[in-house]
Amino acid sequence: MIRGQKVIIDADLAVLYGVTTKRLNQQVKRNSSRFPEDFMFRLTQKEKDEVVAICNHLSRLRFSTALPHAFTEHGAIMAASVLNTPRAIESSIFVVRAFVRLRQILATHKELSRNLVDLEQRIENHDEQIQAIFEAIRQLMAPPDKKVKKIGFTVKEDMEQRVQGSKDSRSQGFE
């Protein structure tokens, strides 16, 4: 990591795409508008010394007077678009396919997200309905607050006495 970014040095990128470092740098210079600072930057002398000290395979840069370029991920992909080698073309095609596939996946996720929102709304509605059912069951299970009237005829006490009295008077007359 250099300047807080993952980078690849121009010499390594040239090997990756099957060209010389000189050819890579020529194409970058010809297409400089395609390489803003967040795609590519030139190392300082101090950064070059650190890279050479850390990476043994870059020891040949130790005696070079030129400061190497460092390419970020964006710059490495852009370099593939300005080079005309089979490997660079293959890389460009891979990136395009990956981008299209990513877009398709995101579209699928949007649809899935919409379905999840619909499902959440239905579940919330079901929760309310289930809550209403539980409330109705609780009301049915609760003991009644007042006396329930008996179904049928009822006899009051004074009515019973009258009935008893009339029975007594009838029974006296028949004796």
N, C-alpha and C. Protein backbone atom coordinates (compact mmCIF):
# COMPACT_ATOMS: atom_id res chain seq x y z
N MET A 1 0.84 -1.18 0.00
CA MET A 1 0.00 0.00 0.00
C MET A 1 0.88 1.24 0.00
N ILE A 2 0.55 2.12 -0.89
CA ILE A 2 1.26 3.39 -0.99
C ILE A 2 0.21 4.49 -0.96
N ARG A 3 0.44 5.48 -0.10
CA ARG A 3 -0.50 6.60 0.07
C ARG A 3 -1.91 6.10 0.44
N GLY A 4 -1.94 5.03 1.18
CA GLY A 4 -3.21 4.48 1.64
C GLY A 4 -4.02 3.75 0.58
N GLN A 5 -3.41 3.43 -0.55
CA GLN A 5 -4.11 2.74 -1.63
C GLN A 5 -3.35 1.50 -2.06
N LYS A 6 -4.08 0.49 -2.47
CA LYS A 6 -3.45 -0.69 -3.06
C LYS A 6 -3.05 -0.32 -4.48
N VAL A 7 -1.80 -0.54 -4.81
CA VAL A 7 -1.31 -0.16 -6.13
C VAL A 7 -0.46 -1.27 -6.72
N ILE A 8 -0.22 -1.15 -8.02
CA ILE A 8 0.71 -2.02 -8.73
C ILE A 8 1.67 -1.09 -9.48
N ILE A 9 2.95 -1.41 -9.41
CA ILE A 9 3.98 -0.59 -10.06
C ILE A 9 3.95 -0.85 -11.57
N ASP A 10 4.30 0.17 -12.35
CA ASP A 10 4.22 0.08 -13.81
C ASP A 10 4.97 -1.12 -14.38
N ALA A 11 6.12 -1.46 -13.81
CA ALA A 11 6.90 -2.60 -14.32
C ALA A 11 6.11 -3.91 -14.15
N ASP A 12 5.44 -4.07 -13.02
CA ASP A 12 4.64 -5.28 -12.79
C ASP A 12 3.41 -5.31 -13.69
N LEU A 13 2.77 -4.16 -13.87
CA LEU A 13 1.59 -4.09 -14.73
C LEU A 13 1.95 -4.39 -16.18
N ALA A 14 3.12 -3.91 -16.62
CA ALA A 14 3.58 -4.18 -17.98
C ALA A 14 3.76 -5.69 -18.19
N VAL A 15 4.36 -6.36 -17.22
CA VAL A 15 4.53 -7.82 -17.31
C VAL A 15 3.17 -8.50 -17.36
N LEU A 16 2.24 -8.04 -16.54
CA LEU A 16 0.90 -8.62 -16.49
C LEU A 16 0.20 -8.54 -17.84
N TYR A 17 0.34 -7.41 -18.54
CA TYR A 17 -0.32 -7.23 -19.83
C TYR A 17 0.55 -7.62 -21.03
N GLY A 18 1.75 -8.10 -20.79
CA GLY A 18 2.59 -8.60 -21.87
C GLY A 18 3.22 -7.53 -22.74
N VAL A 19 3.58 -6.39 -22.15
CA VAL A 19 4.26 -5.32 -22.88
C VAL A 19 5.48 -4.88 -22.07
N THR A 20 6.31 -4.06 -22.67
CA THR A 20 7.45 -3.52 -21.92
C THR A 20 6.97 -2.35 -21.08
N THR A 21 7.73 -2.02 -20.06
CA THR A 21 7.39 -0.87 -19.21
C THR A 21 7.39 0.40 -20.06
N LYS A 22 8.33 0.49 -20.98
CA LYS A 22 8.43 1.66 -21.85
C LYS A 22 7.15 1.81 -22.68
N ARG A 23 6.66 0.71 -23.24
CA ARG A 23 5.44 0.75 -24.06
C ARG A 23 4.22 1.15 -23.22
N LEU A 24 4.12 0.59 -22.01
CA LEU A 24 3.01 0.94 -21.11
C LEU A 24 3.03 2.43 -20.82
N ASN A 25 4.19 2.95 -20.45
CA ASN A 25 4.29 4.37 -20.10
C ASN A 25 4.02 5.27 -21.31
N GLN A 26 4.40 4.83 -22.52
CA GLN A 26 4.09 5.60 -23.73
C GLN A 26 2.57 5.71 -23.92
N GLN A 27 1.88 4.59 -23.78
CA GLN A 27 0.43 4.58 -23.97
C GLN A 27 -0.27 5.42 -22.89
N VAL A 28 0.24 5.35 -21.68
CA VAL A 28 -0.33 6.15 -20.59
C VAL A 28 -0.14 7.64 -20.89
N LYS A 29 1.05 7.99 -21.38
CA LYS A 29 1.34 9.39 -21.70
C LYS A 29 0.45 9.88 -22.85
N ARG A 30 0.24 9.05 -23.87
CA ARG A 30 -0.61 9.41 -25.00
C ARG A 30 -2.08 9.56 -24.58
N ASN A 31 -2.47 8.83 -23.57
CA ASN A 31 -3.87 8.83 -23.10
C ASN A 31 -3.95 9.38 -21.68
N SER A 32 -3.21 10.43 -21.42
CA SER A 32 -3.11 10.95 -20.05
C SER A 32 -4.46 11.40 -19.48
N SER A 33 -5.38 11.80 -20.34
CA SER A 33 -6.69 12.23 -19.84
C SER A 33 -7.49 11.07 -19.23
N ARG A 34 -7.11 9.85 -19.53
CA ARG A 34 -7.79 8.67 -18.98
C ARG A 34 -7.23 8.25 -17.62
N PHE A 35 -6.20 8.92 -17.16
CA PHE A 35 -5.54 8.52 -15.92
C PHE A 35 -5.46 9.67 -14.92
N PRO A 36 -6.58 9.99 -14.26
CA PRO A 36 -6.53 11.02 -13.23
C PRO A 36 -5.72 10.53 -12.02
N GLU A 37 -5.51 11.39 -11.06
CA GLU A 37 -4.65 11.05 -9.90
C GLU A 37 -5.14 9.86 -9.09
N ASP A 38 -6.45 9.62 -9.08
CA ASP A 38 -6.94 8.47 -8.32
C ASP A 38 -6.80 7.16 -9.11
N PHE A 39 -6.34 7.25 -10.37
CA PHE A 39 -6.07 6.06 -11.17
C PHE A 39 -4.58 5.73 -11.20
N MET A 40 -3.75 6.77 -11.20
CA MET A 40 -2.32 6.58 -11.34
C MET A 40 -1.57 7.79 -10.79
N PHE A 41 -0.42 7.55 -10.19
CA PHE A 41 0.42 8.65 -9.74
C PHE A 41 1.88 8.21 -9.82
N ARG A 42 2.76 9.21 -9.85
CA ARG A 42 4.20 8.92 -9.90
C ARG A 42 4.72 8.87 -8.47
N LEU A 43 5.54 7.87 -8.19
CA LEU A 43 6.11 7.72 -6.85
C LEU A 43 7.14 8.82 -6.59
N THR A 44 7.28 9.19 -5.33
CA THR A 44 8.37 10.09 -4.94
C THR A 44 9.63 9.24 -4.78
N GLN A 45 10.78 9.89 -4.66
CA GLN A 45 12.04 9.15 -4.50
C GLN A 45 11.99 8.29 -3.22
N LYS A 46 11.44 8.85 -2.16
CA LYS A 46 11.35 8.12 -0.89
C LYS A 46 10.46 6.88 -1.05
N GLU A 47 9.31 7.05 -1.72
CA GLU A 47 8.40 5.91 -1.94
C GLU A 47 9.06 4.85 -2.82
N LYS A 48 9.81 5.30 -3.83
CA LYS A 48 10.51 4.36 -4.71
C LYS A 48 11.52 3.55 -3.91
N ASP A 49 12.30 4.23 -3.04
CA ASP A 49 13.29 3.53 -2.23
C ASP A 49 12.64 2.50 -1.31
N GLU A 50 11.49 2.85 -0.73
CA GLU A 50 10.77 1.91 0.15
C GLU A 50 10.28 0.70 -0.64
N VAL A 51 9.72 0.93 -1.83
CA VAL A 51 9.21 -0.17 -2.65
C VAL A 51 10.34 -1.10 -3.06
N VAL A 52 11.45 -0.53 -3.48
CA VAL A 52 12.60 -1.34 -3.90
C VAL A 52 13.14 -2.15 -2.72
N ALA A 53 13.14 -1.56 -1.53
CA ALA A 53 13.63 -2.27 -0.34
C ALA A 53 12.70 -3.42 0.05
N ILE A 54 11.41 -3.23 -0.13
CA ILE A 54 10.43 -4.25 0.28
C ILE A 54 10.29 -5.35 -0.77
N CYS A 55 10.26 -4.98 -2.04
CA CYS A 55 10.00 -5.94 -3.12
C CYS A 55 11.30 -6.32 -3.81
N ASN A 56 11.76 -7.53 -3.59
CA ASN A 56 13.03 -7.98 -4.18
C ASN A 56 12.98 -8.02 -5.70
N HIS A 57 11.84 -8.34 -6.28
CA HIS A 57 11.76 -8.45 -7.73
C HIS A 57 11.86 -7.09 -8.43
N LEU A 58 11.79 -5.99 -7.67
CA LEU A 58 11.92 -4.65 -8.25
C LEU A 58 13.31 -4.06 -8.01
N SER A 59 14.28 -4.89 -7.69
CA SER A 59 15.63 -4.39 -7.37
C SER A 59 16.27 -3.70 -8.57
N ARG A 60 15.87 -4.04 -9.79
CA ARG A 60 16.44 -3.38 -10.98
C ARG A 60 16.07 -1.90 -11.04
N LEU A 61 14.99 -1.50 -10.31
CA LEU A 61 14.60 -0.09 -10.27
C LEU A 61 15.53 0.75 -9.40
N ARG A 62 16.34 0.10 -8.59
CA ARG A 62 17.21 0.81 -7.64
C ARG A 62 18.13 1.80 -8.36
N PHE A 63 18.63 1.41 -9.51
CA PHE A 63 19.60 2.26 -10.21
C PHE A 63 18.97 3.10 -11.32
N SER A 64 17.66 2.99 -11.48
CA SER A 64 16.96 3.77 -12.50
C SER A 64 16.78 5.20 -12.00
N THR A 65 16.97 6.16 -12.90
CA THR A 65 16.77 7.56 -12.52
C THR A 65 15.30 7.96 -12.61
N ALA A 66 14.53 7.22 -13.40
CA ALA A 66 13.10 7.54 -13.57
C ALA A 66 12.31 7.05 -12.36
N LEU A 67 11.35 7.85 -11.97
CA LEU A 67 10.45 7.44 -10.89
C LEU A 67 9.29 6.65 -11.50
N PRO A 68 8.99 5.48 -10.96
CA PRO A 68 7.94 4.64 -11.56
C PRO A 68 6.53 5.18 -11.28
N HIS A 69 5.59 4.75 -12.10
CA HIS A 69 4.18 5.05 -11.88
C HIS A 69 3.58 3.97 -10.99
N ALA A 70 2.61 4.36 -10.20
CA ALA A 70 1.85 3.41 -9.40
C ALA A 70 0.40 3.49 -9.88
N PHE A 71 -0.18 2.35 -10.21
CA PHE A 71 -1.55 2.29 -10.72
C PHE A 71 -2.47 1.71 -9.65
N THR A 72 -3.59 2.39 -9.42
CA THR A 72 -4.61 1.84 -8.52
C THR A 72 -5.41 0.81 -9.31
N GLU A 73 -6.39 0.20 -8.68
CA GLU A 73 -7.23 -0.79 -9.38
C GLU A 73 -7.87 -0.16 -10.61
N HIS A 74 -8.37 1.06 -10.45
CA HIS A 74 -9.01 1.75 -11.58
C HIS A 74 -8.00 1.97 -12.71
N GLY A 75 -6.81 2.39 -12.34
CA GLY A 75 -5.78 2.65 -13.34
C GLY A 75 -5.34 1.39 -14.06
N ALA A 76 -5.25 0.28 -13.34
CA ALA A 76 -4.85 -0.99 -13.96
C ALA A 76 -5.89 -1.42 -14.99
N ILE A 77 -7.15 -1.22 -14.68
CA ILE A 77 -8.22 -1.57 -15.62
C ILE A 77 -8.19 -0.62 -16.82
N MET A 78 -7.97 0.65 -16.56
CA MET A 78 -7.90 1.63 -17.65
C MET A 78 -6.70 1.34 -18.55
N ALA A 79 -5.60 0.90 -17.97
CA ALA A 79 -4.42 0.57 -18.77
C ALA A 79 -4.74 -0.54 -19.76
N ALA A 80 -5.57 -1.48 -19.36
CA ALA A 80 -5.97 -2.56 -20.27
C ALA A 80 -6.70 -2.01 -21.48
N SER A 81 -7.43 -0.91 -21.29
CA SER A 81 -8.19 -0.36 -22.41
C SER A 81 -7.32 0.42 -23.40
N VAL A 82 -6.14 0.85 -23.00
CA VAL A 82 -5.27 1.60 -23.92
C VAL A 82 -4.19 0.73 -24.54
N LEU A 83 -4.06 -0.49 -24.07
CA LEU A 83 -3.06 -1.40 -24.64
C LEU A 83 -3.75 -2.35 -25.62
N ASN A 84 -3.00 -2.81 -26.62
CA ASN A 84 -3.57 -3.69 -27.63
C ASN A 84 -2.85 -5.04 -27.64
N THR A 85 -2.87 -5.69 -26.50
CA THR A 85 -2.28 -7.03 -26.43
C THR A 85 -3.41 -8.02 -26.11
N PRO A 86 -3.23 -9.28 -26.46
CA PRO A 86 -4.29 -10.26 -26.17
C PRO A 86 -4.68 -10.29 -24.68
N ARG A 87 -3.71 -10.20 -23.83
CA ARG A 87 -4.01 -10.25 -22.39
C ARG A 87 -4.76 -9.00 -21.93
N ALA A 88 -4.39 -7.84 -22.45
CA ALA A 88 -5.08 -6.60 -22.09
C ALA A 88 -6.52 -6.62 -22.61
N ILE A 89 -6.70 -7.10 -23.83
CA ILE A 89 -8.04 -7.20 -24.41
C ILE A 89 -8.89 -8.18 -23.60
N GLU A 90 -8.30 -9.30 -23.23
CA GLU A 90 -9.00 -10.30 -22.40
C GLU A 90 -9.42 -9.68 -21.06
N SER A 91 -8.55 -8.90 -20.48
CA SER A 91 -8.86 -8.25 -19.20
C SER A 91 -10.00 -7.25 -19.37
N SER A 92 -9.98 -6.48 -20.45
CA SER A 92 -11.05 -5.50 -20.70
C SER A 92 -12.40 -6.20 -20.87
N ILE A 93 -12.40 -7.29 -21.62
CA ILE A 93 -13.63 -8.05 -21.83
C ILE A 93 -14.14 -8.61 -20.50
N PHE A 94 -13.23 -9.12 -19.69
CA PHE A 94 -13.60 -9.66 -18.38
C PHE A 94 -14.24 -8.58 -17.51
N VAL A 95 -13.67 -7.39 -17.53
CA VAL A 95 -14.20 -6.29 -16.72
C VAL A 95 -15.60 -5.90 -17.19
N VAL A 96 -15.79 -5.82 -18.50
CA VAL A 96 -17.11 -5.47 -19.04
C VAL A 96 -18.14 -6.52 -18.64
N ARG A 97 -17.78 -7.79 -18.78
CA ARG A 97 -18.71 -8.87 -18.39
C ARG A 97 -19.02 -8.82 -16.89
N ALA A 98 -18.00 -8.57 -16.10
CA ALA A 98 -18.21 -8.49 -14.65
C ALA A 98 -19.13 -7.32 -14.31
N PHE A 99 -18.95 -6.20 -14.98
CA PHE A 99 -19.79 -5.03 -14.73
C PHE A 99 -21.25 -5.32 -15.09
N VAL A 100 -21.47 -5.94 -16.24
CA VAL A 100 -22.83 -6.26 -16.67
C VAL A 100 -23.46 -7.26 -15.69
N ARG A 101 -22.69 -8.25 -15.28
CA ARG A 101 -23.20 -9.26 -14.32
C ARG A 101 -23.55 -8.59 -12.99
N LEU A 102 -22.72 -7.68 -12.55
CA LEU A 102 -22.98 -6.96 -11.31
C LEU A 102 -24.27 -6.15 -11.41
N ARG A 103 -24.48 -5.51 -12.54
CA ARG A 103 -25.71 -4.75 -12.76
C ARG A 103 -26.93 -5.67 -12.71
N GLN A 104 -26.82 -6.86 -13.31
CA GLN A 104 -27.92 -7.82 -13.27
C GLN A 104 -28.20 -8.28 -11.84
N ILE A 105 -27.15 -8.53 -11.09
CA ILE A 105 -27.30 -8.96 -9.70
C ILE A 105 -27.98 -7.86 -8.89
N LEU A 106 -27.56 -6.62 -9.10
CA LEU A 106 -28.18 -5.51 -8.37
C LEU A 106 -29.66 -5.36 -8.73
N ALA A 107 -29.99 -5.57 -9.99
CA ALA A 107 -31.40 -5.50 -10.40
C ALA A 107 -32.20 -6.59 -9.70
N THR A 108 -31.62 -7.78 -9.59
CA THR A 108 -32.27 -8.89 -8.89
C THR A 108 -32.46 -8.54 -7.42
N HIS A 109 -31.44 -7.91 -6.83
CA HIS A 109 -31.54 -7.53 -5.42
C HIS A 109 -32.60 -6.47 -5.20
N LYS A 110 -32.78 -5.56 -6.16
CA LYS A 110 -33.83 -4.55 -6.03
C LYS A 110 -35.19 -5.22 -6.01
N GLU A 111 -35.39 -6.19 -6.90
CA GLU A 111 -36.66 -6.91 -6.94
C GLU A 111 -36.87 -7.69 -5.64
N LEU A 112 -35.81 -8.33 -5.17
CA LEU A 112 -35.88 -9.07 -3.91
C LEU A 112 -36.21 -8.12 -2.76
N SER A 113 -35.61 -6.95 -2.78
CA SER A 113 -35.87 -5.96 -1.74
C SER A 113 -37.34 -5.53 -1.75
N ARG A 114 -37.88 -5.30 -2.94
CA ARG A 114 -39.30 -4.94 -3.05
C ARG A 114 -40.18 -6.06 -2.50
N ASN A 115 -39.84 -7.30 -2.84
CA ASN A 115 -40.62 -8.44 -2.34
C ASN A 115 -40.56 -8.53 -0.82
N LEU A 116 -39.40 -8.26 -0.25
CA LEU A 116 -39.27 -8.29 1.20
C LEU A 116 -40.12 -7.21 1.86
N VAL A 117 -40.16 -6.03 1.26
CA VAL A 117 -40.98 -4.95 1.81
C VAL A 117 -42.46 -5.36 1.77
N ASP A 118 -42.90 -5.95 0.65
CA ASP A 118 -44.28 -6.41 0.56
C ASP A 118 -44.58 -7.46 1.62
N LEU A 119 -43.65 -8.39 1.79
CA LEU A 119 -43.82 -9.44 2.79
C LEU A 119 -43.90 -8.86 4.20
N GLU A 120 -43.06 -7.89 4.50
CA GLU A 120 -43.09 -7.24 5.82
C GLU A 120 -44.45 -6.59 6.07
N GLN A 121 -44.99 -5.94 5.05
CA GLN A 121 -46.28 -5.28 5.21
C GLN A 121 -47.39 -6.30 5.46
N ARG A 122 -47.33 -7.43 4.73
CA ARG A 122 -48.33 -8.47 4.95
C ARG A 122 -48.20 -9.06 6.35
N ILE A 123 -46.99 -9.27 6.80
CA ILE A 123 -46.76 -9.83 8.13
C ILE A 123 -47.28 -8.86 9.19
N GLU A 124 -47.03 -7.57 9.02
CA GLU A 124 -47.55 -6.58 9.97
C GLU A 124 -49.07 -6.64 10.02
N ASN A 125 -49.71 -6.77 8.85
CA ASN A 125 -51.16 -6.87 8.78
C ASN A 125 -51.62 -8.14 9.49
N HIS A 126 -50.92 -9.25 9.27
CA HIS A 126 -51.26 -10.51 9.92
C HIS A 126 -51.08 -10.39 11.43
N ASP A 127 -50.05 -9.70 11.86
CA ASP A 127 -49.83 -9.51 13.30
C ASP A 127 -51.03 -8.81 13.93
N GLU A 128 -51.53 -7.79 13.26
CA GLU A 128 -52.69 -7.07 13.78
C GLU A 128 -53.92 -7.98 13.84
N GLN A 129 -54.12 -8.79 12.80
CA GLN A 129 -55.25 -9.70 12.77
C GLN A 129 -55.13 -10.77 13.85
N ILE A 130 -53.94 -11.32 14.04
CA ILE A 130 -53.71 -12.32 15.07
C ILE A 130 -53.94 -11.71 16.45
N GLN A 131 -53.50 -10.49 16.63
CA GLN A 131 -53.71 -9.79 17.91
C GLN A 131 -55.21 -9.64 18.18
N ALA A 132 -55.99 -9.33 17.16
CA ALA A 132 -57.44 -9.20 17.32
C ALA A 132 -58.06 -10.55 17.69
N ILE A 133 -57.58 -11.63 17.09
CA ILE A 133 -58.08 -12.97 17.41
C ILE A 133 -57.78 -13.31 18.86
N PHE A 134 -56.55 -13.05 19.30
CA PHE A 134 -56.18 -13.32 20.70
C PHE A 134 -57.05 -12.51 21.66
N GLU A 135 -57.33 -11.28 21.32
CA GLU A 135 -58.17 -10.44 22.17
C GLU A 135 -59.58 -11.01 22.27
N ALA A 136 -60.12 -11.49 21.16
CA ALA A 136 -61.46 -12.09 21.17
C ALA A 136 -61.46 -13.36 22.02
N ILE A 137 -60.42 -14.18 21.91
CA ILE A 137 -60.31 -15.40 22.72
C ILE A 137 -60.23 -15.06 24.20
N ARG A 138 -59.46 -14.06 24.55
CA ARG A 138 -59.35 -13.64 25.95
C ARG A 138 -60.71 -13.20 26.50
N GLN A 139 -61.46 -12.48 25.70
CA GLN A 139 -62.78 -12.03 26.14
C GLN A 139 -63.72 -13.22 26.35
N LEU A 140 -63.60 -14.23 25.49
CA LEU A 140 -64.44 -15.41 25.64
C LEU A 140 -64.04 -16.23 26.86
N MET A 141 -62.77 -16.22 27.21
CA MET A 141 -62.27 -16.99 28.34
C MET A 141 -62.50 -16.29 29.67
N ALA A 142 -62.69 -15.02 29.68
CA ALA A 142 -62.85 -14.26 30.92
C ALA A 142 -64.20 -14.60 31.55
N PRO A 143 -64.26 -14.71 32.90
CA PRO A 143 -65.54 -15.01 33.55
C PRO A 143 -66.49 -13.83 33.38
N PRO A 144 -67.79 -14.12 33.31
CA PRO A 144 -68.74 -13.04 33.10
C PRO A 144 -68.78 -12.12 34.33
N ASP A 145 -68.99 -10.87 34.09
CA ASP A 145 -69.00 -9.88 35.16
C ASP A 145 -70.32 -9.89 35.94
N LYS A 146 -71.45 -10.13 35.31
CA LYS A 146 -72.74 -10.09 36.00
C LYS A 146 -73.43 -11.44 35.90
N LYS A 147 -74.46 -11.61 36.76
CA LYS A 147 -75.20 -12.86 36.77
C LYS A 147 -75.92 -13.03 35.45
N VAL A 148 -75.91 -14.24 35.00
CA VAL A 148 -76.60 -14.55 33.77
C VAL A 148 -78.03 -14.93 34.12
N LYS A 149 -78.97 -14.36 33.42
CA LYS A 149 -80.37 -14.70 33.65
C LYS A 149 -80.62 -16.12 33.16
N LYS A 150 -81.39 -16.84 33.95
CA LYS A 150 -81.74 -18.19 33.56
C LYS A 150 -82.77 -18.13 32.45
N ILE A 151 -82.67 -19.07 31.59
CA ILE A 151 -83.62 -19.14 30.48
C ILE A 151 -84.86 -19.90 30.97
N GLY A 152 -86.02 -19.43 30.61
CA GLY A 152 -87.26 -20.10 30.98
C GLY A 152 -88.05 -19.26 31.97
N PHE A 153 -89.07 -19.90 32.61
CA PHE A 153 -89.92 -19.20 33.56
C PHE A 153 -89.25 -19.14 34.90
N THR A 154 -89.45 -18.03 35.58
CA THR A 154 -88.92 -17.88 36.93
C THR A 154 -90.07 -17.58 37.87
N VAL A 155 -89.94 -18.04 39.09
CA VAL A 155 -90.98 -17.82 40.09
C VAL A 155 -90.38 -16.98 41.18
N LYS A 156 -91.05 -15.89 41.48
CA LYS A 156 -90.57 -15.02 42.56
C LYS A 156 -91.17 -15.52 43.86
N GLU A 157 -90.59 -15.12 44.98
CA GLU A 157 -91.02 -15.61 46.30
C GLU A 157 -92.46 -15.23 46.61
N ASP A 158 -92.87 -13.98 46.38
CA ASP A 158 -94.23 -13.58 46.69
C ASP A 158 -95.23 -14.29 45.79
N MET A 159 -94.81 -14.56 44.60
CA MET A 159 -95.66 -15.31 43.68
C MET A 159 -95.82 -16.73 44.20
N GLU A 160 -94.75 -17.26 44.76
CA GLU A 160 -94.81 -18.62 45.31
C GLU A 160 -95.78 -18.67 46.49
N GLN A 161 -95.77 -17.63 47.31
CA GLN A 161 -96.67 -17.59 48.46
C GLN A 161 -98.12 -17.53 48.00
N ARG A 162 -98.43 -16.76 47.00
CA ARG A 162 -99.79 -16.67 46.48
C ARG A 162 -100.25 -18.02 45.96
N VAL A 163 -99.31 -18.63 45.24
CA VAL A 163 -99.65 -19.94 44.69
C VAL A 163 -99.88 -20.91 45.84
N GLN A 164 -99.07 -20.83 46.87
CA GLN A 164 -99.23 -21.69 48.04
C GLN A 164 -100.55 -21.37 48.74
N GLY A 165 -100.86 -20.08 48.87
CA GLY A 165 -102.09 -19.67 49.54
C GLY A 165 -103.31 -20.13 48.78
N SER A 166 -103.31 -20.04 47.51
CA SER A 166 -104.46 -20.46 46.72
C SER A 166 -104.61 -21.97 46.77
N LYS A 167 -103.52 -22.67 46.89
CA LYS A 167 -103.59 -24.12 47.02
C LYS A 167 -104.23 -24.47 48.36
N ASP A 168 -103.85 -23.71 49.38
CA ASP A 168 -104.39 -23.98 50.71
C ASP A 168 -105.90 -23.72 50.72
N SER A 169 -106.34 -22.64 50.11
CA SER A 169 -107.77 -22.31 50.12
C SER A 169 -108.55 -23.32 49.29
N ARG A 170 -108.03 -23.80 48.28
CA ARG A 170 -108.71 -24.79 47.45
C ARG A 170 -108.81 -26.11 48.21
N SER A 171 -107.72 -26.40 48.86
CA SER A 171 -107.73 -27.67 49.57
C SER A 171 -108.72 -27.65 50.73
N GLN A 172 -109.02 -26.47 51.30
CA GLN A 172 -109.97 -26.37 52.42
C GLN A 172 -111.39 -26.58 51.92
N GLY A 173 -111.68 -26.10 50.77
CA GLY A 173 -113.03 -26.21 50.25
C GLY A 173 -113.40 -27.62 49.85
N PHE A 174 -112.50 -28.43 49.58
CA PHE A 174 -112.80 -29.78 49.11
C PHE A 174 -112.84 -30.78 50.24
N GLU A 175 -112.60 -30.41 51.37
CA GLU A 175 -112.56 -31.38 52.45
C GLU A 175 -113.89 -31.71 52.95
